[in-house]
Amino acid sequence: FQDQPLDLFSTIGSFTQPSHVSNAWITKTLATWFTKIQPAQVLEFGSGIGNLTIPALSYHKTRVISLELDPRSAQAQVVTLAKHGLQDRVDLRVGDFRMKALTDLPLTDVFLVNPARNGVGQ
């Protein structure tokens, strides 16, 4: 997914990164890193609309368990994943994951954390 533009669907109020420059750097760095380490599974906290989920799928065998608090952002992620044929590689779970014990979550190779910003979606 490096160096090719992909449509991301969202709603007004969804949040990705503070600027297009930092977003481009973050997503490119993640795509390079995931391609290099080739994880079988990534557990992503705060996946939002999928801005970092897509780079996490850069290695063709990686699967992502995507945890998102905001149902609107999760729905936008569903549309994005389906448009790009990636829905079978992502297990999207919607709900409040912040208070879950790590023992309640599946074993994984990599944790990807993109925490919610205070007040976003409210």
Protein backbone atom coordinates (compact mmCIF):
# COMPACT_ATOMS: atom_id res chain seq x y z
CA PHE A 1 0.00 0.00 0.00
CA GLN A 2 3.03 2.24 -0.06
CA ASP A 3 3.01 5.19 -2.43
CA GLN A 4 -0.45 4.52 -3.80
CA PRO A 5 -3.39 6.68 -2.80
CA LEU A 6 -6.34 4.88 -1.24
CA ASP A 7 -9.74 6.31 -0.45
CA LEU A 8 -10.55 6.46 3.26
CA PHE A 9 -14.18 6.98 4.17
CA SER A 10 -15.12 8.96 7.24
CA THR A 11 -17.71 11.15 8.81
CA ILE A 12 -17.38 14.74 9.89
CA GLY A 13 -15.73 14.62 13.28
CA SER A 14 -13.62 11.55 12.52
CA PHE A 15 -9.95 12.11 13.17
CA THR A 16 -6.80 10.80 11.54
CA GLN A 17 -3.62 12.77 12.19
CA PRO A 18 -2.93 16.47 12.83
CA SER A 19 -1.53 17.22 9.38
CA HIS A 20 -1.20 15.60 5.99
CA VAL A 21 2.60 15.77 6.32
CA SER A 22 2.71 13.87 9.61
CA ASN A 23 0.04 11.48 8.38
CA ALA A 24 2.02 10.66 5.23
CA TRP A 25 5.17 10.06 7.26
CA ILE A 26 3.38 7.87 9.85
CA THR A 27 1.55 5.72 7.31
CA LYS A 28 4.61 5.25 5.09
CA THR A 29 6.80 4.36 8.08
CA LEU A 30 4.24 1.84 9.35
CA ALA A 31 3.83 0.24 5.91
CA THR A 32 7.60 -0.14 5.59
CA TRP A 33 7.93 -1.54 9.10
CA PHE A 34 5.07 -4.05 8.76
CA THR A 35 6.39 -5.25 5.40
CA LYS A 36 9.81 -5.79 7.00
CA ILE A 37 8.69 -7.60 10.18
CA GLN A 38 5.85 -9.56 8.51
CA PRO A 39 3.61 -10.08 11.55
CA ALA A 40 0.92 -12.75 11.37
CA GLN A 41 -1.42 -10.73 13.57
CA VAL A 42 -1.69 -7.12 14.74
CA LEU A 43 -3.93 -5.94 17.57
CA GLU A 44 -4.86 -2.31 16.91
CA PHE A 45 -6.30 -0.16 19.68
CA GLY A 46 -8.26 2.90 18.55
CA SER A 47 -8.40 2.05 14.86
CA GLY A 48 -10.80 4.83 13.88
CA ILE A 49 -11.56 4.96 10.17
CA GLY A 50 -8.65 2.63 9.34
CA ASN A 51 -5.97 5.22 8.65
CA LEU A 52 -3.33 3.03 10.33
CA THR A 53 -5.13 -0.28 9.74
CA ILE A 54 -4.36 -0.15 6.02
CA PRO A 55 -0.57 0.23 6.47
CA ALA A 56 -0.69 -2.58 9.05
CA LEU A 57 -1.93 -4.83 6.22
CA SER A 58 1.10 -4.07 4.03
CA TYR A 59 2.44 -7.60 4.45
CA HIS A 60 0.02 -9.74 2.47
CA LYS A 61 -0.44 -12.39 5.20
CA THR A 62 -1.03 -10.05 8.13
CA ARG A 63 -4.42 -10.05 9.86
CA VAL A 64 -5.58 -7.20 12.10
CA ILE A 65 -7.87 -7.28 15.10
CA SER A 66 -9.17 -3.73 15.06
CA LEU A 67 -10.67 -2.27 18.25
CA GLU A 68 -12.68 0.94 17.93
CA LEU A 69 -14.81 2.82 20.45
CA ASP A 70 -16.74 5.08 18.05
CA PRO A 71 -19.38 3.23 15.95
CA ARG A 72 -19.35 5.98 13.28
CA SER A 73 -15.62 5.61 12.72
CA ALA A 74 -15.96 1.82 12.71
CA GLN A 75 -18.67 2.02 10.04
CA ALA A 76 -16.43 4.21 7.90
CA GLN A 77 -13.65 1.64 8.32
CA VAL A 78 -16.03 -1.12 7.16
CA VAL A 79 -16.71 0.84 3.94
CA THR A 80 -13.00 1.51 3.37
CA LEU A 81 -12.00 -2.12 3.90
CA ALA A 82 -14.76 -3.40 1.61
CA LYS A 83 -13.88 -0.92 -1.15
CA HIS A 84 -10.29 -2.20 -1.16
CA GLY A 85 -11.14 -5.89 -0.70
CA LEU A 86 -9.50 -6.09 2.73
CA GLN A 87 -12.51 -6.91 4.91
CA ASP A 88 -11.54 -10.60 5.23
CA ARG A 89 -8.20 -9.67 6.83
CA VAL A 90 -9.65 -7.45 9.59
CA ASP A 91 -11.68 -8.49 12.62
CA LEU A 92 -13.30 -5.16 13.57
CA ARG A 93 -14.65 -5.04 17.12
CA VAL A 94 -16.66 -2.04 18.27
CA GLY A 95 -16.92 -1.17 21.94
CA ASP A 96 -15.07 0.20 24.92
CA PHE A 97 -11.78 -1.72 24.95
CA ARG A 98 -10.06 0.71 27.33
CA MET A 99 -10.94 -1.20 30.48
CA LYS A 100 -10.33 -4.70 29.15
CA ALA A 101 -7.63 -6.76 30.76
CA LEU A 102 -4.91 -7.87 28.34
CA THR A 103 -5.80 -11.46 29.25
CA ASP A 104 -9.22 -10.87 27.62
CA LEU A 105 -7.57 -10.08 24.29
CA PRO A 106 -6.02 -12.56 21.85
CA LEU A 107 -2.29 -13.19 21.65
CA THR A 108 -0.70 -11.13 18.93
CA ASP A 109 2.65 -10.32 17.33
CA VAL A 110 2.30 -6.53 17.39
CA PHE A 111 0.26 -3.97 19.32
CA LEU A 112 -0.62 -0.82 17.40
CA VAL A 113 -2.01 1.98 19.56
CA ASN A 114 -3.72 5.04 18.14
CA PRO A 115 -5.49 6.45 21.19
CA ALA A 116 -8.65 8.48 20.94
CA ARG A 117 -8.31 12.21 21.38
CA ASN A 118 -10.20 13.70 24.28
CA GLY A 119 -13.63 14.88 23.15
CA VAL A 120 -13.46 13.47 19.64
CA GLY A 121 -16.83 12.09 18.58
CA GLN A 122 -18.73 13.78 21.41
